[in-house]
Amino acid sequence: MQQIQSNSSANEKMIKVYATNWCGDCRMARRWFDAHGVPYEYINIEEDDRAAEYVVRVNHGARSVPTIVFPDGSILVEPSPRELASKLTQ
């Protein structure tokens, strides 16, 4: 599993997956990253109020998960496996 849960400065250049444990789309995204060996930081918005506020802010009031933030600053919300693959081959 490629999940990283620390908040080191190296994580600033890592993909951040804002998610919940119960969300099926979140589990799919994590499985996709794991299967493709893509490291990411998993942030459970149910356990981190600041992360939950961030998700609501970037999604214009919606608590949409997964919200995936890439090192280039781009964001995918509830992406399909095809959208993840397309993003990571850019």
PDB file of N, CA and C in Angstrom:
ATOM      1  N   MET A   1       0.843  -1.180   0.000  1.00  0.00           N
ATOM      2  CA  MET A   1       0.000   0.000   0.000  1.00  0.00           C
ATOM      3  C   MET A   1       0.881   1.233   0.000  1.00  0.00           C
ATOM      4  N   GLN A   2       0.560   2.212  -0.822  1.00  0.00           N
ATOM      5  CA  GLN A   2       1.368   3.401  -0.990  1.00  0.00           C
ATOM      6  C   GLN A   2       0.897   4.582  -0.147  1.00  0.00           C
ATOM      7  N   GLN A   3      -0.086   4.368   0.673  1.00  0.00           N
ATOM      8  CA  GLN A   3      -0.657   5.446   1.473  1.00  0.00           C
ATOM      9  C   GLN A   3       0.364   5.990   2.462  1.00  0.00           C
ATOM     10  N   ILE A   4       0.393   7.305   2.609  1.00  0.00           N
ATOM     11  CA  ILE A   4       1.278   7.958   3.559  1.00  0.00           C
ATOM     12  C   ILE A   4       0.423   8.861   4.420  1.00  0.00           C
ATOM     13  N   GLN A   5       0.622   8.817   5.739  1.00  0.00           N
ATOM     14  CA  GLN A   5      -0.240   9.602   6.596  1.00  0.00           C
ATOM     15  C   GLN A   5       0.490  10.677   7.386  1.00  0.00           C
ATOM     16  N   SER A   6       1.766  10.852   7.199  1.00  0.00           N
ATOM     17  CA  SER A   6       2.476  11.898   7.932  1.00  0.00           C
ATOM     18  C   SER A   6       2.308  13.233   7.226  1.00  0.00           C
ATOM     19  N   ASN A   7       2.693  14.299   7.888  1.00  0.00           N
ATOM     20  CA  ASN A   7       2.574  15.635   7.314  1.00  0.00           C
ATOM     21  C   ASN A   7       3.940  16.246   7.050  1.00  0.00           C
ATOM     22  N   SER A   8       4.882  15.475   6.571  1.00  0.00           N
ATOM     23  CA  SER A   8       6.227  15.987   6.316  1.00  0.00           C
ATOM     24  C   SER A   8       6.224  16.930   5.127  1.00  0.00           C
ATOM     25  N   SER A   9       7.294  17.726   4.996  1.00  0.00           N
ATOM     26  CA  SER A   9       7.379  18.674   3.887  1.00  0.00           C
ATOM     27  C   SER A   9       7.423  17.960   2.544  1.00  0.00           C
ATOM     28  N   ALA A  10       7.883  16.716   2.520  1.00  0.00           N
ATOM     29  CA  ALA A  10       7.892  15.954   1.270  1.00  0.00           C
ATOM     30  C   ALA A  10       6.469  15.743   0.761  1.00  0.00           C
ATOM     31  N   ASN A  11       5.495  15.694   1.667  1.00  0.00           N
ATOM     32  CA  ASN A  11       4.113  15.479   1.260  1.00  0.00           C
ATOM     33  C   ASN A  11       3.529  16.672   0.522  1.00  0.00           C
ATOM     34  N   GLU A  12       4.182  17.838   0.581  1.00  0.00           N
ATOM     35  CA  GLU A  12       3.683  18.999  -0.142  1.00  0.00           C
ATOM     36  C   GLU A  12       3.742  18.771  -1.647  1.00  0.00           C
ATOM     37  N   LYS A  13       4.596  17.873  -2.091  1.00  0.00           N
ATOM     38  CA  LYS A  13       4.729  17.573  -3.515  1.00  0.00           C
ATOM     39  C   LYS A  13       4.064  16.248  -3.853  1.00  0.00           C
ATOM     40  N   MET A  14       3.233  15.751  -2.954  1.00  0.00           N
ATOM     41  CA  MET A  14       2.569  14.472  -3.132  1.00  0.00           C
ATOM     42  C   MET A  14       1.084  14.694  -3.423  1.00  0.00           C
ATOM     43  N   ILE A  15       0.494  13.752  -4.110  1.00  0.00           N
ATOM     44  CA  ILE A  15      -0.949  13.783  -4.341  1.00  0.00           C
ATOM     45  C   ILE A  15      -1.644  13.666  -2.986  1.00  0.00           C
ATOM     46  N   LYS A  16      -2.675  14.478  -2.793  1.00  0.00           N
ATOM     47  CA  LYS A  16      -3.451  14.435  -1.554  1.00  0.00           C
ATOM     48  C   LYS A  16      -4.854  13.973  -1.888  1.00  0.00           C
ATOM     49  N   VAL A  17      -5.290  12.915  -1.209  1.00  0.00           N
ATOM     50  CA  VAL A  17      -6.620  12.361  -1.422  1.00  0.00           C
ATOM     51  C   VAL A  17      -7.459  12.686  -0.191  1.00  0.00           C
ATOM     52  N   TYR A  18      -8.379  13.630  -0.352  1.00  0.00           N
ATOM     53  CA  TYR A  18      -9.312  13.984   0.712  1.00  0.00           C
ATOM     54  C   TYR A  18     -10.504  13.052   0.556  1.00  0.00           C
ATOM     55  N   ALA A  19     -10.795  12.283   1.594  1.00  0.00           N
ATOM     56  CA  ALA A  19     -11.759  11.208   1.448  1.00  0.00           C
ATOM     57  C   ALA A  19     -12.422  10.861   2.779  1.00  0.00           C
ATOM     58  N   THR A  20     -13.297   9.865   2.722  1.00  0.00           N
ATOM     59  CA  THR A  20     -13.878   9.256   3.909  1.00  0.00           C
ATOM     60  C   THR A  20     -13.723   7.747   3.766  1.00  0.00           C
ATOM     61  N   ASN A  21     -13.774   7.048   4.879  1.00  0.00           N
ATOM     62  CA  ASN A  21     -13.632   5.591   4.831  1.00  0.00           C
ATOM     63  C   ASN A  21     -14.841   4.901   4.215  1.00  0.00           C
ATOM     64  N   TRP A  22     -16.018   5.492   4.329  1.00  0.00           N
ATOM     65  CA  TRP A  22     -17.247   4.849   3.863  1.00  0.00           C
ATOM     66  C   TRP A  22     -17.536   5.074   2.378  1.00  0.00           C
ATOM     67  N   CYS A  23     -16.821   5.973   1.742  1.00  0.00           N
ATOM     68  CA  CYS A  23     -17.106   6.367   0.361  1.00  0.00           C
ATOM     69  C   CYS A  23     -16.554   5.348  -0.647  1.00  0.00           C
ATOM     70  N   GLY A  24     -17.436   4.796  -1.480  1.00  0.00           N
ATOM     71  CA  GLY A  24     -17.019   3.828  -2.494  1.00  0.00           C
ATOM     72  C   GLY A  24     -16.081   4.419  -3.537  1.00  0.00           C
ATOM     73  N   ASP A  25     -16.351   5.657  -3.978  1.00  0.00           N
ATOM     74  CA  ASP A  25     -15.467   6.304  -4.950  1.00  0.00           C
ATOM     75  C   ASP A  25     -14.086   6.558  -4.351  1.00  0.00           C
ATOM     76  N   CYS A  26     -14.045   6.839  -3.043  1.00  0.00           N
ATOM     77  CA  CYS A  26     -12.765   7.054  -2.356  1.00  0.00           C
ATOM     78  C   CYS A  26     -11.965   5.759  -2.320  1.00  0.00           C
ATOM     79  N   ARG A  27     -12.640   4.664  -1.994  1.00  0.00           N
ATOM     80  CA  ARG A  27     -11.954   3.364  -1.968  1.00  0.00           C
ATOM     81  C   ARG A  27     -11.439   3.003  -3.362  1.00  0.00           C
ATOM     82  N   MET A  28     -12.237   3.297  -4.396  1.00  0.00           N
ATOM     83  CA  MET A  28     -11.812   3.010  -5.768  1.00  0.00           C
ATOM     84  C   MET A  28     -10.559   3.806  -6.106  1.00  0.00           C
ATOM     85  N   ALA A  29     -10.544   5.094  -5.774  1.00  0.00           N
ATOM     86  CA  ALA A  29      -9.383   5.930  -6.096  1.00  0.00           C
ATOM     87  C   ALA A  29      -8.148   5.418  -5.368  1.00  0.00           C
ATOM     88  N   ARG A  30      -8.286   5.063  -4.106  1.00  0.00           N
ATOM     89  CA  ARG A  30      -7.147   4.551  -3.341  1.00  0.00           C
ATOM     90  C   ARG A  30      -6.647   3.233  -3.929  1.00  0.00           C
ATOM     91  N   ARG A  31      -7.575   2.351  -4.306  1.00  0.00           N
ATOM     92  CA  ARG A  31      -7.169   1.079  -4.931  1.00  0.00           C
ATOM     93  C   ARG A  31      -6.436   1.338  -6.235  1.00  0.00           C
ATOM     94  N   TRP A  32      -6.915   2.321  -7.017  1.00  0.00           N
ATOM     95  CA  TRP A  32      -6.274   2.634  -8.291  1.00  0.00           C
ATOM     96  C   TRP A  32      -4.849   3.121  -8.060  1.00  0.00           C
ATOM     97  N   PHE A  33      -4.670   4.057  -7.143  1.00  0.00           N
ATOM     98  CA  PHE A  33      -3.325   4.557  -6.836  1.00  0.00           C
ATOM     99  C   PHE A  33      -2.429   3.423  -6.349  1.00  0.00           C
ATOM    100  N   ASP A  34      -2.950   2.597  -5.444  1.00  0.00           N
ATOM    101  CA  ASP A  34      -2.166   1.480  -4.912  1.00  0.00           C
ATOM    102  C   ASP A  34      -1.766   0.505  -6.025  1.00  0.00           C
ATOM    103  N   ALA A  35      -2.713   0.164  -6.885  1.00  0.00           N
ATOM    104  CA  ALA A  35      -2.453  -0.800  -7.967  1.00  0.00           C
ATOM    105  C   ALA A  35      -1.425  -0.275  -8.962  1.00  0.00           C
ATOM    106  N   HIS A  36      -1.343   1.040  -9.109  1.00  0.00           N
ATOM    107  CA  HIS A  36      -0.403   1.634 -10.061  1.00  0.00           C
ATOM    108  C   HIS A  36       0.863   2.169  -9.392  1.00  0.00           C
ATOM    109  N   GLY A  37       1.009   1.879  -8.103  1.00  0.00           N
ATOM    110  CA  GLY A  37       2.223   2.285  -7.387  1.00  0.00           C
ATOM    111  C   GLY A  37       2.384   3.791  -7.252  1.00  0.00           C
ATOM    112  N   VAL A  38       1.279   4.510  -7.208  1.00  0.00           N
ATOM    113  CA  VAL A  38       1.327   5.968  -7.107  1.00  0.00           C
ATOM    114  C   VAL A  38       1.215   6.362  -5.636  1.00  0.00           C
ATOM    115  N   PRO A  39       2.246   6.988  -5.085  1.00  0.00           N
ATOM    116  CA  PRO A  39       2.170   7.397  -3.677  1.00  0.00           C
ATOM    117  C   PRO A  39       1.213   8.574  -3.497  1.00  0.00           C
ATOM    118  N   TYR A  40       0.552   8.590  -2.366  1.00  0.00           N
ATOM    119  CA  TYR A  40      -0.397   9.655  -2.064  1.00  0.00           C
ATOM    120  C   TYR A  40      -0.529   9.798  -0.559  1.00  0.00           C
ATOM    121  N   GLU A  41      -1.045  10.938  -0.164  1.00  0.00           N
ATOM    122  CA  GLU A  41      -1.347  11.169   1.236  1.00  0.00           C
ATOM    123  C   GLU A  41      -2.858  11.054   1.390  1.00  0.00           C
ATOM    124  N   TYR A  42      -3.322  10.167   2.251  1.00  0.00           N
ATOM    125  CA  TYR A  42      -4.750   9.985   2.504  1.00  0.00           C
ATOM    126  C   TYR A  42      -5.144  10.882   3.669  1.00  0.00           C
ATOM    127  N   ILE A  43      -6.169  11.710   3.458  1.00  0.00           N
ATOM    128  CA  ILE A  43      -6.636  12.623   4.490  1.00  0.00           C
ATOM    129  C   ILE A  43      -8.121  12.361   4.702  1.00  0.00           C
ATOM    130  N   ASN A  44      -8.466  11.833   5.867  1.00  0.00           N
ATOM    131  CA  ASN A  44      -9.851  11.512   6.189  1.00  0.00           C
ATOM    132  C   ASN A  44     -10.528  12.782   6.702  1.00  0.00           C
ATOM    133  N   ILE A  45     -11.466  13.316   5.931  1.00  0.00           N
ATOM    134  CA  ILE A  45     -12.095  14.586   6.307  1.00  0.00           C
ATOM    135  C   ILE A  45     -13.043  14.439   7.490  1.00  0.00           C
ATOM    136  N   GLU A  46     -13.367  13.218   7.860  1.00  0.00           N
ATOM    137  CA  GLU A  46     -14.204  13.018   9.049  1.00  0.00           C
ATOM    138  C   GLU A  46     -13.383  13.130  10.330  1.00  0.00           C
ATOM    139  N   GLU A  47     -12.068  13.050  10.190  1.00  0.00           N
ATOM    140  CA  GLU A  47     -11.181  13.140  11.346  1.00  0.00           C
ATOM    141  C   GLU A  47     -10.369  14.428  11.367  1.00  0.00           C
ATOM    142  N   ASP A  48     -10.485  15.239  10.322  1.00  0.00           N
ATOM    143  CA  ASP A  48      -9.682  16.449  10.203  1.00  0.00           C
ATOM    144  C   ASP A  48     -10.598  17.595   9.773  1.00  0.00           C
ATOM    145  N   ASP A  49     -10.989  18.434  10.740  1.00  0.00           N
ATOM    146  CA  ASP A  49     -11.933  19.525  10.458  1.00  0.00           C
ATOM    147  C   ASP A  49     -11.395  20.516   9.435  1.00  0.00           C
ATOM    148  N   ARG A  50     -10.104  20.820   9.502  1.00  0.00           N
ATOM    149  CA  ARG A  50      -9.536  21.767   8.528  1.00  0.00           C
ATOM    150  C   ARG A  50      -9.577  21.189   7.123  1.00  0.00           C
ATOM    151  N   ALA A  51      -9.326  19.901   7.009  1.00  0.00           N
ATOM    152  CA  ALA A  51      -9.401  19.246   5.698  1.00  0.00           C
ATOM    153  C   ALA A  51     -10.836  19.262   5.176  1.00  0.00           C
ATOM    154  N   ALA A  52     -11.800  19.028   6.054  1.00  0.00           N
ATOM    155  CA  ALA A  52     -13.208  19.056   5.648  1.00  0.00           C
ATOM    156  C   ALA A  52     -13.597  20.457   5.171  1.00  0.00           C
ATOM    157  N   GLU A  53     -13.129  21.485   5.871  1.00  0.00           N
ATOM    158  CA  GLU A  53     -13.405  22.859   5.460  1.00  0.00           C
ATOM    159  C   GLU A  53     -12.783  23.155   4.101  1.00  0.00           C
ATOM    160  N   TYR A  54     -11.585  22.654   3.864  1.00  0.00           N
ATOM    161  CA  TYR A  54     -10.906  22.843   2.580  1.00  0.00           C
ATOM    162  C   TYR A  54     -11.733  22.213   1.452  1.00  0.00           C
ATOM    163  N   VAL A  55     -12.187  20.977   1.665  1.00  0.00           N
ATOM    164  CA  VAL A  55     -12.977  20.282   0.648  1.00  0.00           C
ATOM    165  C   VAL A  55     -14.244  21.065   0.320  1.00  0.00           C
ATOM    166  N   VAL A  56     -14.936  21.546   1.336  1.00  0.00           N
ATOM    167  CA  VAL A  56     -16.153  22.329   1.112  1.00  0.00           C
ATOM    168  C   VAL A  56     -15.832  23.612   0.353  1.00  0.00           C
ATOM    169  N   ARG A  57     -14.732  24.250   0.693  1.00  0.00           N
ATOM    170  CA  ARG A  57     -14.350  25.502   0.034  1.00  0.00           C
ATOM    171  C   ARG A  57     -14.037  25.280  -1.447  1.00  0.00           C
ATOM    172  N   VAL A  58     -13.221  24.286  -1.769  1.00  0.00           N
ATOM    173  CA  VAL A  58     -12.831  24.092  -3.171  1.00  0.00           C
ATOM    174  C   VAL A  58     -13.960  23.509  -4.011  1.00  0.00           C
ATOM    175  N   ASN A  59     -14.969  22.945  -3.354  1.00  0.00           N
ATOM    176  CA  ASN A  59     -16.114  22.376  -4.075  1.00  0.00           C
ATOM    177  C   ASN A  59     -17.352  23.261  -3.961  1.00  0.00           C
ATOM    178  N   HIS A  60     -17.130  24.548  -3.694  1.00  0.00           N
ATOM    179  CA  HIS A  60     -18.196  25.556  -3.700  1.00  0.00           C
ATOM    180  C   HIS A  60     -19.369  25.166  -2.798  1.00  0.00           C
ATOM    181  N   GLY A  61     -19.039  24.721  -1.580  1.00  0.00           N
ATOM    182  CA  GLY A  61     -20.056  24.401  -0.584  1.00  0.00           C
ATOM    183  C   GLY A  61     -20.424  22.940  -0.493  1.00  0.00           C
ATOM    184  N   ALA A  62     -19.934  22.120  -1.392  1.00  0.00           N
ATOM    185  CA  ALA A  62     -20.247  20.684  -1.373  1.00  0.00           C
ATOM    186  C   ALA A  62     -19.131  19.909  -0.671  1.00  0.00           C
ATOM    187  N   ARG A  63     -19.511  18.893   0.034  1.00  0.00           N
ATOM    188  CA  ARG A  63     -18.543  18.031   0.719  1.00  0.00           C
ATOM    189  C   ARG A  63     -18.267  16.806  -0.173  1.00  0.00           C
ATOM    190  N   SER A  64     -17.789  17.051  -1.374  1.00  0.00           N
ATOM    191  CA  SER A  64     -17.591  16.007  -2.377  1.00  0.00           C
ATOM    192  C   SER A  64     -16.265  15.291  -2.166  1.00  0.00           C
ATOM    193  N   VAL A  65     -16.352  13.971  -2.114  1.00  0.00           N
ATOM    194  CA  VAL A  65     -15.154  13.149  -1.976  1.00  0.00           C
ATOM    195  C   VAL A  65     -15.225  11.992  -2.960  1.00  0.00           C
ATOM    196  N   PRO A  66     -14.090  11.516  -3.432  1.00  0.00           N
ATOM    197  CA  PRO A  66     -12.781  12.055  -3.120  1.00  0.00           C
ATOM    198  C   PRO A  66     -12.514  13.365  -3.869  1.00  0.00           C
ATOM    199  N   THR A  67     -11.842  14.251  -3.182  1.00  0.00           N
ATOM    200  CA  THR A  67     -11.281  15.449  -3.783  1.00  0.00           C
ATOM    201  C   THR A  67      -9.782  15.203  -3.811  1.00  0.00           C
ATOM    202  N   ILE A  68      -9.224  15.136  -4.995  1.00  0.00           N
ATOM    203  CA  ILE A  68      -7.814  14.763  -5.154  1.00  0.00           C
ATOM    204  C   ILE A  68      -7.047  15.973  -5.672  1.00  0.00           C
ATOM    205  N   VAL A  69      -6.038  16.368  -4.886  1.00  0.00           N
ATOM    206  CA  VAL A  69      -5.233  17.541  -5.228  1.00  0.00           C
ATOM    207  C   VAL A  69      -3.851  17.065  -5.673  1.00  0.00           C
ATOM    208  N   PHE A  70      -3.452  17.504  -6.855  1.00  0.00           N
ATOM    209  CA  PHE A  70      -2.178  17.103  -7.437  1.00  0.00           C
ATOM    210  C   PHE A  70      -1.115  18.156  -7.153  1.00  0.00           C
ATOM    211  N   PRO A  71       0.159  17.765  -7.184  1.00  0.00           N
ATOM    212  CA  PRO A  71       1.238  18.712  -6.881  1.00  0.00           C
ATOM    213  C   PRO A  71       1.229  19.969  -7.745  1.00  0.00           C
ATOM    214  N   ASP A  72       0.661  19.893  -8.950  1.00  0.00           N
ATOM    215  CA  ASP A  72       0.601  21.078  -9.818  1.00  0.00           C
ATOM    216  C   ASP A  72      -0.548  22.015  -9.443  1.00  0.00           C
ATOM    217  N   GLY A  73      -1.313  21.651  -8.400  1.00  0.00           N
ATOM    218  CA  GLY A  73      -2.416  22.483  -7.946  1.00  0.00           C
ATOM    219  C   GLY A  73      -3.757  22.132  -8.563  1.00  0.00           C
ATOM    220  N   SER A  74      -3.760  21.254  -9.547  1.00  0.00           N
ATOM    221  CA  SER A  74      -5.030  20.855 -10.159  1.00  0.00           C
ATOM    222  C   SER A  74      -5.782  19.914  -9.233  1.00  0.00           C
ATOM    223  N   ILE A  75      -7.094  19.865  -9.421  1.00  0.00           N
ATOM    224  CA  ILE A  75      -7.966  19.084  -8.550  1.00  0.00           C
ATOM    225  C   ILE A  75      -8.915  18.253  -9.393  1.00  0.00           C
ATOM    226  N   LEU A  76      -9.073  16.988  -9.023  1.00  0.00           N
ATOM    227  CA  LEU A  76     -10.117  16.136  -9.599  1.00  0.00           C
ATOM    228  C   LEU A  76     -11.070  15.767  -8.468  1.00  0.00           C
ATOM    229  N   VAL A  77     -12.360  15.837  -8.756  1.00  0.00           N
ATOM    230  CA  VAL A  77     -13.376  15.489  -7.768  1.00  0.00           C
ATOM    231  C   VAL A  77     -14.172  14.310  -8.295  1.00  0.00           C
ATOM    232  N   GLU A  78     -14.240  13.263  -7.489  1.00  0.00           N
ATOM    233  CA  GLU A  78     -14.954  12.039  -7.850  1.00  0.00           C
ATOM    234  C   GLU A  78     -14.542  11.531  -9.236  1.00  0.00           C
ATOM    235  N   PRO A  79     -13.240  11.416  -9.493  1.00  0.00           N
ATOM    236  CA  PRO A  79     -12.802  10.993 -10.831  1.00  0.00           C
ATOM    237  C   PRO A  79     -13.020   9.506 -11.071  1.00  0.00           C
ATOM    238  N   SER A  80     -13.159   9.166 -12.336  1.00  0.00           N
ATOM    239  CA  SER A  80     -13.222   7.765 -12.749  1.00  0.00           C
ATOM    240  C   SER A  80     -11.793   7.241 -12.873  1.00  0.00           C
ATOM    241  N   PRO A  81     -11.626   5.920 -12.934  1.00  0.00           N
ATOM    242  CA  PRO A  81     -10.279   5.381 -13.184  1.00  0.00           C
ATOM    243  C   PRO A  81      -9.667   5.937 -14.467  1.00  0.00           C
ATOM    244  N   ARG A  82     -10.487   6.133 -15.500  1.00  0.00           N
ATOM    245  CA  ARG A  82     -10.000   6.673 -16.772  1.00  0.00           C
ATOM    246  C   ARG A  82      -9.479   8.098 -16.587  1.00  0.00           C
ATOM    247  N   GLU A  83     -10.186   8.906 -15.788  1.00  0.00           N
ATOM    248  CA  GLU A  83      -9.742  10.277 -15.539  1.00  0.00           C
ATOM    249  C   GLU A  83      -8.433  10.292 -14.749  1.00  0.00           C
ATOM    250  N   LEU A  84      -8.277   9.383 -13.791  1.00  0.00           N
ATOM    251  CA  LEU A  84      -7.018   9.290 -13.041  1.00  0.00           C
ATOM    252  C   LEU A  84      -5.872   8.926 -13.965  1.00  0.00           C
ATOM    253  N   ALA A  85      -6.100   7.932 -14.814  1.00  0.00           N
ATOM    254  CA  ALA A  85      -5.065   7.501 -15.753  1.00  0.00           C
ATOM    255  C   ALA A  85      -4.685   8.638 -16.700  1.00  0.00           C
ATOM    256  N   SER A  86      -5.659   9.358 -17.190  1.00  0.00           N
ATOM    257  CA  SER A  86      -5.397  10.468 -18.103  1.00  0.00           C
ATOM    258  C   SER A  86      -4.577  11.558 -17.406  1.00  0.00           C
ATOM    259  N   LYS A  87      -4.941  11.881 -16.185  1.00  0.00           N
ATOM    260  CA  LYS A  87      -4.233  12.918 -15.439  1.00  0.00           C
ATOM    261  C   LYS A  87      -2.776  12.524 -15.205  1.00  0.00           C
ATOM    262  N   LEU A  88      -2.554  11.290 -14.870  1.00  0.00           N
ATOM    263  CA  LEU A  88      -1.195  10.874 -14.510  1.00  0.00           C
ATOM    264  C   LEU A  88      -0.313  10.566 -15.709  1.00  0.00           C
ATOM    265  N   THR A  89      -0.878  10.574 -16.915  1.00  0.00           N
ATOM    266  CA  THR A  89      -0.043  10.400 -18.100  1.00  0.00           C
ATOM    267  C   THR A  89       0.242  11.724 -18.781  1.00  0.00           C
ATOM    268  N   GLN A  90      -0.231  12.825 -18.198  1.00  0.00           N
ATOM    269  CA  GLN A  90       0.028  14.158 -18.757  1.00  0.00           C
ATOM    270  C   GLN A  90       1.458  14.566 -18.543  1.00  0.00           C
TER     271      GLN A  90
END
